[in-house]
Amino acid sequence: MSHDEMLALFDRQMRRDALPDGPEARVERAGDVVRQVGPDPVWNGVIWSDLNESGADTAIADQVRHFAALGRDFEWKLYGHDRPRDLGARLRAAGLSAEPPETLMVAEIAALALEADVPDGVELSEVTGPAGADVVADVHEQAFGTDASQIRRRLRAQFAEAPGTVAAVIATAGGVPVSAARMELPPGGLFAGLWGGGTVPAWRHRGLYRALIAFRARIAAERGYRYLQVDAMDTSRPILARLGFAPLAVTTPYVYRAQGSAPSEPA
């Protein structure tokens, strides 16, 4: 499949025809905009748009009013090929703030290099339920130094109400969790999404990030998914490229803060 064909498939399945990504979330179409809305800890934001120069500012203003009326922060997830070409500037003019860009990378699972050495004494396992959600959130806080309460609540809700839509994995050393990651599994889709891979400082640079990607890839393949997708930071992009992931697009989160709200927890 060519780059353009893969991009069109991703846009159609993961953006234009996106399904809610968790309990209590709902996906709505508002004109030429597709958005997800829901109460905390649901991610609120614009997933896809098909705008032109004459209508873009009105569409942006409509979304700002919609989420402001709900009193919720929201994210407009802008991809490099979205139109009009100055959509980012228009979002900034409407009061949204750009966060650091990431690279959307995609791989066909069957073509991935899934052999990964695990350090002696380290075990990989899938976790579920409230205890599993707590372990993943605890490792996230140690790895990134940020509050993971929203991730904790979201994972707990997914495990309880839609367990087939998410997988969570951990690496333990001597019974102590040292690395963790998640994977979103949209029902009936071809793409599984990798999120939140993090390792505590003392265990970095030992291959755990790569090992958890391979572990999740095998889970995705067993459950019938063909592709993996990840929004990669600069630090993880080289590792993913060596495994067989290819860059598909650059994506930039544009965030709107409801008046008086605290920053939302990253996914």
C-alpha atoms as a PDB file:
ATOM      1  CA  MET A   1       0.000   0.000   0.000  1.00  0.00           C
ATOM      2  CA  SER A   2       1.364   3.428  -0.928  1.00  0.00           C
ATOM      3  CA  HIS A   3       1.793   6.275   1.552  1.00  0.00           C
ATOM      4  CA  ASP A   4      -1.235   8.123   0.153  1.00  0.00           C
ATOM      5  CA  GLU A   5      -3.394   4.998   0.245  1.00  0.00           C
ATOM      6  CA  MET A   6      -2.434   4.304   3.848  1.00  0.00           C
ATOM      7  CA  LEU A   7      -3.088   7.914   4.830  1.00  0.00           C
ATOM      8  CA  ALA A   8      -6.528   7.795   3.187  1.00  0.00           C
ATOM      9  CA  LEU A   9      -7.334   4.537   5.009  1.00  0.00           C
ATOM     10  CA  PHE A  10      -6.236   5.980   8.345  1.00  0.00           C
ATOM     11  CA  ASP A  11      -8.202   9.187   7.821  1.00  0.00           C
ATOM     12  CA  ARG A  12     -11.329   7.286   6.925  1.00  0.00           C
ATOM     13  CA  GLN A  13     -11.224   4.665   9.640  1.00  0.00           C
ATOM     14  CA  MET A  14      -9.577   6.428  12.568  1.00  0.00           C
ATOM     15  CA  ARG A  15     -10.790   9.981  12.018  1.00  0.00           C
ATOM     16  CA  ARG A  16     -13.812  10.509   9.750  1.00  0.00           C
ATOM     17  CA  ASP A  17     -15.587   7.296  10.848  1.00  0.00           C
ATOM     18  CA  ALA A  18     -14.055   7.165  14.327  1.00  0.00           C
ATOM     19  CA  LEU A  19     -15.781   5.259  17.106  1.00  0.00           C
ATOM     20  CA  PRO A  20     -15.949   6.505  20.718  1.00  0.00           C
ATOM     21  CA  ASP A  21     -12.709   5.575  22.441  1.00  0.00           C
ATOM     22  CA  GLY A  22     -14.176   4.717  25.816  1.00  0.00           C
ATOM     23  CA  PRO A  23     -17.264   4.410  28.011  1.00  0.00           C
ATOM     24  CA  GLU A  24     -19.441   7.544  28.184  1.00  0.00           C
ATOM     25  CA  ALA A  25     -17.716   9.034  25.137  1.00  0.00           C
ATOM     26  CA  ARG A  26     -19.777   9.869  22.080  1.00  0.00           C
ATOM     27  CA  VAL A  27     -18.692  10.870  18.581  1.00  0.00           C
ATOM     28  CA  GLU A  28     -20.682  13.627  16.908  1.00  0.00           C
ATOM     29  CA  ARG A  29     -20.693  15.109  13.419  1.00  0.00           C
ATOM     30  CA  ALA A  30     -21.208  18.870  13.326  1.00  0.00           C
ATOM     31  CA  GLY A  31     -21.207  19.932   9.686  1.00  0.00           C
ATOM     32  CA  ASP A  32     -17.746  19.184   8.331  1.00  0.00           C
ATOM     33  CA  VAL A  33     -16.286  18.466  11.768  1.00  0.00           C
ATOM     34  CA  VAL A  34     -16.175  15.176  13.702  1.00  0.00           C
ATOM     35  CA  ARG A  35     -15.652  15.532  17.435  1.00  0.00           C
ATOM     36  CA  GLN A  36     -15.666  13.416  20.570  1.00  0.00           C
ATOM     37  CA  VAL A  37     -17.496  14.626  23.664  1.00  0.00           C
ATOM     38  CA  GLY A  38     -17.992  13.204  27.131  1.00  0.00           C
ATOM     39  CA  PRO A  39     -17.584  13.748  30.873  1.00  0.00           C
ATOM     40  CA  ASP A  40     -14.258  13.390  32.648  1.00  0.00           C
ATOM     41  CA  PRO A  41     -12.119  11.316  32.070  1.00  0.00           C
ATOM     42  CA  VAL A  42     -13.216  11.230  28.407  1.00  0.00           C
ATOM     43  CA  TRP A  43     -10.902  12.952  25.910  1.00  0.00           C
ATOM     44  CA  ASN A  44     -12.802  15.860  24.332  1.00  0.00           C
ATOM     45  CA  GLY A  45     -11.723  17.143  20.958  1.00  0.00           C
ATOM     46  CA  VAL A  46     -11.944  17.435  17.203  1.00  0.00           C
ATOM     47  CA  ILE A  47     -10.876  14.236  15.465  1.00  0.00           C
ATOM     48  CA  TRP A  48     -11.402  15.173  11.813  1.00  0.00           C
ATOM     49  CA  SER A  49     -12.460  18.110   9.679  1.00  0.00           C
ATOM     50  CA  ASP A  50     -13.000  18.834   6.007  1.00  0.00           C
ATOM     51  CA  LEU A  51     -12.892  22.634   5.815  1.00  0.00           C
ATOM     52  CA  ASN A  52     -12.223  25.266   3.198  1.00  0.00           C
ATOM     53  CA  GLU A  53     -10.952  28.828   3.489  1.00  0.00           C
ATOM     54  CA  SER A  54     -14.407  30.382   3.415  1.00  0.00           C
ATOM     55  CA  GLY A  55     -15.896  28.241   6.178  1.00  0.00           C
ATOM     56  CA  ALA A  56     -12.980  27.370   8.453  1.00  0.00           C
ATOM     57  CA  ASP A  57     -13.209  30.316  10.859  1.00  0.00           C
ATOM     58  CA  THR A  58     -16.924  29.776  11.400  1.00  0.00           C
ATOM     59  CA  ALA A  59     -16.411  26.057  12.029  1.00  0.00           C
ATOM     60  CA  ILE A  60     -13.644  26.778  14.549  1.00  0.00           C
ATOM     61  CA  ALA A  61     -15.774  29.355  16.347  1.00  0.00           C
ATOM     62  CA  ASP A  62     -18.656  26.889  16.515  1.00  0.00           C
ATOM     63  CA  GLN A  63     -16.435  24.295  18.217  1.00  0.00           C
ATOM     64  CA  VAL A  64     -15.048  26.816  20.687  1.00  0.00           C
ATOM     65  CA  ARG A  65     -18.588  27.881  21.629  1.00  0.00           C
ATOM     66  CA  HIS A  66     -19.735  24.272  21.897  1.00  0.00           C
ATOM     67  CA  PHE A  67     -17.017  23.136  24.284  1.00  0.00           C
ATOM     68  CA  ALA A  68     -17.009  26.432  26.217  1.00  0.00           C
ATOM     69  CA  ALA A  69     -20.734  26.012  26.849  1.00  0.00           C
ATOM     70  CA  LEU A  70     -19.974  22.572  28.279  1.00  0.00           C
ATOM     71  CA  GLY A  71     -17.182  24.048  30.417  1.00  0.00           C
ATOM     72  CA  ARG A  72     -14.664  21.585  29.001  1.00  0.00           C
ATOM     73  CA  ASP A  73     -11.152  21.828  27.654  1.00  0.00           C
ATOM     74  CA  PHE A  74     -10.803  20.385  24.176  1.00  0.00           C
ATOM     75  CA  GLU A  75      -8.100  19.503  21.700  1.00  0.00           C
ATOM     76  CA  TRP A  76      -8.198  20.044  17.957  1.00  0.00           C
ATOM     77  CA  LYS A  77      -5.925  17.332  16.619  1.00  0.00           C
ATOM     78  CA  LEU A  78      -4.452  18.890  13.483  1.00  0.00           C
ATOM     79  CA  TYR A  79      -2.696  16.727  10.885  1.00  0.00           C
ATOM     80  CA  GLY A  80      -0.194  18.183   8.450  1.00  0.00           C
ATOM     81  CA  HIS A  81      -2.350  17.468   5.404  1.00  0.00           C
ATOM     82  CA  ASP A  82      -5.550  18.996   6.841  1.00  0.00           C
ATOM     83  CA  ARG A  83      -7.089  21.925   4.990  1.00  0.00           C
ATOM     84  CA  PRO A  84      -7.059  24.816   4.642  1.00  0.00           C
ATOM     85  CA  ARG A  85      -3.284  25.029   4.723  1.00  0.00           C
ATOM     86  CA  ASP A  86      -3.347  27.810   7.318  1.00  0.00           C
ATOM     87  CA  LEU A  87      -5.677  25.935   9.678  1.00  0.00           C
ATOM     88  CA  GLY A  88      -3.093  26.036  12.461  1.00  0.00           C
ATOM     89  CA  ALA A  89      -2.860  29.830  12.291  1.00  0.00           C
ATOM     90  CA  ARG A  90      -6.640  30.075  12.329  1.00  0.00           C
ATOM     91  CA  LEU A  91      -6.808  27.870  15.431  1.00  0.00           C
ATOM     92  CA  ARG A  92      -4.270  30.074  17.200  1.00  0.00           C
ATOM     93  CA  ALA A  93      -6.235  33.175  16.248  1.00  0.00           C
ATOM     94  CA  ALA A  94      -9.310  31.585  17.833  1.00  0.00           C
ATOM     95  CA  GLY A  95      -7.518  31.154  21.168  1.00  0.00           C
ATOM     96  CA  LEU A  96      -6.136  27.614  20.929  1.00  0.00           C
ATOM     97  CA  SER A  97      -2.519  26.920  21.876  1.00  0.00           C
ATOM     98  CA  ALA A  98      -0.228  24.604  19.945  1.00  0.00           C
ATOM     99  CA  GLU A  99       1.552  21.855  21.870  1.00  0.00           C
ATOM    100  CA  PRO A 100       4.691  20.090  20.615  1.00  0.00           C
ATOM    101  CA  PRO A 101       4.118  18.228  17.341  1.00  0.00           C
ATOM    102  CA  GLU A 102       4.385  14.477  17.061  1.00  0.00           C
ATOM    103  CA  THR A 103       4.819  12.098  14.145  1.00  0.00           C
ATOM    104  CA  LEU A 104       2.043   9.679  13.279  1.00  0.00           C
ATOM    105  CA  MET A 105       3.819   6.397  12.510  1.00  0.00           C
ATOM    106  CA  VAL A 106       2.184   3.236  11.173  1.00  0.00           C
ATOM    107  CA  ALA A 107       3.366  -0.333  10.655  1.00  0.00           C
ATOM    108  CA  GLU A 108       1.867  -3.510   9.281  1.00  0.00           C
ATOM    109  CA  ILE A 109       2.122  -5.971  12.146  1.00  0.00           C
ATOM    110  CA  ALA A 110       3.135  -8.877   9.915  1.00  0.00           C
ATOM    111  CA  ALA A 111       6.169  -6.923   8.702  1.00  0.00           C
ATOM    112  CA  LEU A 112       7.432  -5.820  12.112  1.00  0.00           C
ATOM    113  CA  ALA A 113      10.663  -7.019  13.683  1.00  0.00           C
ATOM    114  CA  LEU A 114       9.150  -8.426  16.864  1.00  0.00           C
ATOM    115  CA  GLU A 115      12.181 -10.096  18.365  1.00  0.00           C
ATOM    116  CA  ALA A 116      13.150  -8.166  21.482  1.00  0.00           C
ATOM    117  CA  ASP A 117      15.576  -9.144  24.231  1.00  0.00           C
ATOM    118  CA  VAL A 118      14.253  -8.670  27.754  1.00  0.00           C
ATOM    119  CA  PRO A 119      16.768  -8.038  30.563  1.00  0.00           C
ATOM    120  CA  ASP A 120      17.376 -10.924  32.944  1.00  0.00           C
ATOM    121  CA  GLY A 121      14.815 -11.004  35.727  1.00  0.00           C
ATOM    122  CA  VAL A 122      12.226  -8.942  33.838  1.00  0.00           C
ATOM    123  CA  GLU A 123       8.809 -10.371  33.023  1.00  0.00           C
ATOM    124  CA  LEU A 124       6.170  -8.950  30.664  1.00  0.00           C
ATOM    125  CA  SER A 125       2.466  -9.460  31.323  1.00  0.00           C
ATOM    126  CA  GLU A 126      -0.960  -8.115  30.443  1.00  0.00           C
ATOM    127  CA  VAL A 127      -2.943  -6.593  33.322  1.00  0.00           C
ATOM    128  CA  THR A 128      -6.653  -5.889  33.755  1.00  0.00           C
ATOM    129  CA  GLY A 129      -9.118  -4.584  36.304  1.00  0.00           C
ATOM    130  CA  PRO A 130      -8.728  -1.815  38.893  1.00  0.00           C
ATOM    131  CA  ALA A 131      -5.406  -3.167  40.138  1.00  0.00           C
ATOM    132  CA  GLY A 132      -4.001  -3.238  36.605  1.00  0.00           C
ATOM    133  CA  ALA A 133      -5.160   0.326  35.956  1.00  0.00           C
ATOM    134  CA  ASP A 134      -3.492   1.470  39.166  1.00  0.00           C
ATOM    135  CA  VAL A 135      -0.173  -0.180  38.258  1.00  0.00           C
ATOM    136  CA  VAL A 136      -0.114   1.433  34.811  1.00  0.00           C
ATOM    137  CA  ALA A 137      -0.948   4.857  36.260  1.00  0.00           C
ATOM    138  CA  ASP A 138       1.667   4.522  39.020  1.00  0.00           C
ATOM    139  CA  VAL A 139       4.402   3.668  36.504  1.00  0.00           C
ATOM    140  CA  HIS A 140       3.278   6.576  34.294  1.00  0.00           C
ATOM    141  CA  GLU A 141       3.703   8.989  37.208  1.00  0.00           C
ATOM    142  CA  GLN A 142       7.179   7.657  37.996  1.00  0.00           C
ATOM    143  CA  ALA A 143       8.249   7.684  34.346  1.00  0.00           C
ATOM    144  CA  PHE A 144       6.932  11.103  33.335  1.00  0.00           C
ATOM    145  CA  GLY A 145       6.654  12.953  36.639  1.00  0.00           C
ATOM    146  CA  THR A 146       3.043  13.954  35.936  1.00  0.00           C
ATOM    147  CA  ASP A 147      -0.275  13.219  37.585  1.00  0.00           C
ATOM    148  CA  ALA A 148      -1.907  10.173  35.995  1.00  0.00           C
ATOM    149  CA  SER A 149      -5.252  10.315  37.792  1.00  0.00           C
ATOM    150  CA  GLN A 150      -7.145  10.808  34.524  1.00  0.00           C
ATOM    151  CA  ILE A 151      -5.409   7.808  32.947  1.00  0.00           C
ATOM    152  CA  ARG A 152      -6.217   5.783  36.069  1.00  0.00           C
ATOM    153  CA  ARG A 153      -9.915   6.669  35.896  1.00  0.00           C
ATOM    154  CA  ARG A 154     -10.130   6.099  32.158  1.00  0.00           C
ATOM    155  CA  LEU A 155      -8.463   2.678  32.295  1.00  0.00           C
ATOM    156  CA  ARG A 156     -10.634   1.604  35.218  1.00  0.00           C
ATOM    157  CA  ALA A 157     -13.756   2.584  33.258  1.00  0.00           C
ATOM    158  CA  GLN A 158     -12.587   0.783  30.108  1.00  0.00           C
ATOM    159  CA  PHE A 159     -11.701  -2.397  31.993  1.00  0.00           C
ATOM    160  CA  ALA A 160     -15.073  -2.371  33.751  1.00  0.00           C
ATOM    161  CA  GLU A 161     -17.381  -1.424  30.860  1.00  0.00           C
ATOM    162  CA  ALA A 162     -15.529  -2.145  27.599  1.00  0.00           C
ATOM    163  CA  PRO A 163     -12.623  -4.490  28.343  1.00  0.00           C
ATOM    164  CA  GLY A 164     -12.210  -5.589  24.722  1.00  0.00           C
ATOM    165  CA  THR A 165     -11.315  -2.061  23.610  1.00  0.00           C
ATOM    166  CA  VAL A 166      -8.067  -1.714  25.552  1.00  0.00           C
ATOM    167  CA  ALA A 167      -5.023  -3.704  26.586  1.00  0.00           C
ATOM    168  CA  ALA A 168      -2.497  -2.733  29.244  1.00  0.00           C
ATOM    169  CA  VAL A 169       0.905  -4.337  29.713  1.00  0.00           C
ATOM    170  CA  ILE A 170       3.658  -4.034  32.294  1.00  0.00           C
ATOM    171  CA  ALA A 171       7.244  -5.091  32.804  1.00  0.00           C
ATOM    172  CA  THR A 172       8.237  -6.162  36.289  1.00  0.00           C
ATOM    173  CA  ALA A 173      11.684  -6.691  37.782  1.00  0.00           C
ATOM    174  CA  GLY A 174      11.739  -8.755  40.951  1.00  0.00           C
ATOM    175  CA  GLY A 175       7.988  -8.258  41.167  1.00  0.00           C
ATOM    176  CA  VAL A 176       8.268  -4.453  40.971  1.00  0.00           C
ATOM    177  CA  PRO A 177       6.627  -2.694  37.977  1.00  0.00           C
ATOM    178  CA  VAL A 178       9.265  -0.735  36.042  1.00  0.00           C
ATOM    179  CA  SER A 179       7.609  -0.074  32.669  1.00  0.00           C
ATOM    180  CA  ALA A 180       4.029   0.079  31.383  1.00  0.00           C
ATOM    181  CA  ALA A 181       2.056   0.885  28.253  1.00  0.00           C
ATOM    182  CA  ARG A 182      -1.472   0.800  26.824  1.00  0.00           C
ATOM    183  CA  MET A 183      -3.097  -0.112  23.517  1.00  0.00           C
ATOM    184  CA  GLU A 184      -6.462   1.044  22.173  1.00  0.00           C
ATOM    185  CA  LEU A 185      -8.403  -1.589  20.202  1.00  0.00           C
ATOM    186  CA  PRO A 186     -11.263   0.014  18.226  1.00  0.00           C
ATOM    187  CA  PRO A 187     -13.935  -2.647  17.558  1.00  0.00           C
ATOM    188  CA  GLY A 188     -13.969  -3.864  13.974  1.00  0.00           C
ATOM    189  CA  GLY A 189     -11.008  -1.733  12.924  1.00  0.00           C
ATOM    190  CA  LEU A 190      -7.696  -2.475  11.261  1.00  0.00           C
ATOM    191  CA  PHE A 191      -5.571  -0.146  13.412  1.00  0.00           C
ATOM    192  CA  ALA A 192      -4.579  -0.700  17.038  1.00  0.00           C
ATOM    193  CA  GLY A 193      -3.160   2.368  18.775  1.00  0.00           C
ATOM    194  CA  LEU A 194      -0.094   2.367  21.025  1.00  0.00           C
ATOM    195  CA  TRP A 195      -0.131   4.863  23.894  1.00  0.00           C
ATOM    196  CA  GLY A 196       1.666   5.853  27.046  1.00  0.00           C
ATOM    197  CA  GLY A 197       4.806   3.716  26.942  1.00  0.00           C
ATOM    198  CA  GLY A 198       6.960   4.771  29.886  1.00  0.00           C
ATOM    199  CA  THR A 199       9.836   3.338  31.904  1.00  0.00           C
ATOM    200  CA  VAL A 200      11.067   4.411  35.331  1.00  0.00           C
ATOM    201  CA  PRO A 201      14.454   6.213  35.141  1.00  0.00           C
ATOM    202  CA  ALA A 202      16.571   3.401  36.613  1.00  0.00           C
ATOM    203  CA  TRP A 203      15.412   0.970  33.906  1.00  0.00           C
ATOM    204  CA  ARG A 204      15.714   3.095  30.800  1.00  0.00           C
ATOM    205  CA  HIS A 205      17.970   2.211  27.841  1.00  0.00           C
ATOM    206  CA  ARG A 206      17.625  -1.524  28.463  1.00  0.00           C
ATOM    207  CA  GLY A 207      15.188  -2.338  25.665  1.00  0.00           C
ATOM    208  CA  LEU A 208      11.933  -2.284  27.625  1.00  0.00           C
ATOM    209  CA  TYR A 209      10.221   0.242  25.335  1.00  0.00           C
ATOM    210  CA  ARG A 210      10.960  -1.967  22.334  1.00  0.00           C
ATOM    211  CA  ALA A 211       9.930  -5.113  24.226  1.00  0.00           C
ATOM    212  CA  LEU A 212       6.554  -3.651  25.192  1.00  0.00           C
ATOM    213  CA  ILE A 213       5.893  -2.630  21.586  1.00  0.00           C
ATOM    214  CA  ALA A 214       6.587  -6.189  20.440  1.00  0.00           C
ATOM    215  CA  PHE A 215       4.427  -7.611  23.238  1.00  0.00           C
ATOM    216  CA  ARG A 216       1.481  -5.372  22.306  1.00  0.00           C
ATOM    217  CA  ALA A 217       1.952  -6.122  18.601  1.00  0.00           C
ATOM    218  CA  ARG A 218       1.507  -9.824  19.279  1.00  0.00           C
ATOM    219  CA  ILE A 219      -1.672  -9.115  21.270  1.00  0.00           C
ATOM    220  CA  ALA A 220      -3.032  -6.962  18.434  1.00  0.00           C
ATOM    221  CA  ALA A 221      -2.284  -9.642  15.848  1.00  0.00           C
ATOM    222  CA  GLU A 222      -4.010 -12.304  17.951  1.00  0.00           C
ATOM    223  CA  ARG A 223      -7.099 -10.084  18.104  1.00  0.00           C
ATOM    224  CA  GLY A 224      -7.264  -9.565  14.359  1.00  0.00           C
ATOM    225  CA  TYR A 225      -5.679  -6.134  13.855  1.00  0.00           C
ATOM    226  CA  ARG A 226      -3.491  -5.544  10.817  1.00  0.00           C
ATOM    227  CA  TYR A 227      -1.746  -2.273  11.634  1.00  0.00           C
ATOM    228  CA  LEU A 228      -0.275  -0.430  14.610  1.00  0.00           C
ATOM    229  CA  GLN A 229      -0.295   3.343  14.880  1.00  0.00           C
ATOM    230  CA  VAL A 230       1.462   5.624  17.330  1.00  0.00           C
ATOM    231  CA  ASP A 231       1.900   9.361  17.801  1.00  0.00           C
ATOM    232  CA  ALA A 232       5.666   9.360  18.274  1.00  0.00           C
ATOM    233  CA  MET A 233       7.784  11.907  20.080  1.00  0.00           C
ATOM    234  CA  ASP A 234      11.268  12.624  18.783  1.00  0.00           C
ATOM    235  CA  THR A 235      12.782  10.343  21.435  1.00  0.00           C
ATOM    236  CA  SER A 236      10.777   7.283  20.335  1.00  0.00           C
ATOM    237  CA  ARG A 237      10.681   7.859  16.578  1.00  0.00           C
ATOM    238  CA  PRO A 238      14.138   6.286  15.877  1.00  0.00           C
ATOM    239  CA  ILE A 239      13.241   3.165  17.867  1.00  0.00           C
ATOM    240  CA  LEU A 240       9.963   2.784  16.022  1.00  0.00           C
ATOM    241  CA  ALA A 241      11.672   3.286  12.653  1.00  0.00           C
ATOM    242  CA  ARG A 242      14.133   0.486  13.429  1.00  0.00           C
ATOM    243  CA  LEU A 243      11.222  -1.796  14.256  1.00  0.00           C
ATOM    244  CA  GLY A 244       9.578  -1.112  10.901  1.00  0.00           C
ATOM    245  CA  PHE A 245       7.236   1.837  11.532  1.00  0.00           C
ATOM    246  CA  ALA A 246       6.993   4.478   8.806  1.00  0.00           C
ATOM    247  CA  PRO A 247       6.043   8.144   9.245  1.00  0.00           C
ATOM    248  CA  LEU A 248       2.604   8.942   7.872  1.00  0.00           C
ATOM    249  CA  ALA A 249       1.917  12.533   8.960  1.00  0.00           C
ATOM    250  CA  VAL A 250       2.865  15.184  11.492  1.00  0.00           C
ATOM    251  CA  THR A 251       0.163  15.893  14.050  1.00  0.00           C
ATOM    252  CA  THR A 252      -0.054  18.935  16.315  1.00  0.00           C
ATOM    253  CA  PRO A 253      -2.450  19.191  19.260  1.00  0.00           C
ATOM    254  CA  TYR A 254      -4.154  22.583  19.498  1.00  0.00           C
ATOM    255  CA  VAL A 255      -5.650  22.965  22.959  1.00  0.00           C
ATOM    256  CA  TYR A 256      -8.407  25.215  24.233  1.00  0.00           C
ATOM    257  CA  ARG A 257      -8.674  25.741  27.988  1.00  0.00           C
ATOM    258  CA  ALA A 258     -12.092  26.432  29.438  1.00  0.00           C
ATOM    259  CA  GLN A 259     -11.916  29.491  31.675  1.00  0.00           C
ATOM    260  CA  GLY A 260     -10.425  28.630  35.033  1.00  0.00           C
ATOM    261  CA  SER A 261      -9.764  24.991  34.182  1.00  0.00           C
ATOM    262  CA  ALA A 262      -6.582  23.093  34.928  1.00  0.00           C
ATOM    263  CA  PRO A 263      -4.550  21.545  32.120  1.00  0.00           C
ATOM    264  CA  SER A 264      -5.898  18.174  31.035  1.00  0.00           C
ATOM    265  CA  GLU A 265      -3.923  14.973  31.483  1.00  0.00           C
ATOM    266  CA  PRO A 266      -2.060  13.828  28.359  1.00  0.00           C
ATOM    267  CA  ALA A 267      -3.081  10.528  26.806  1.00  0.00           C
END
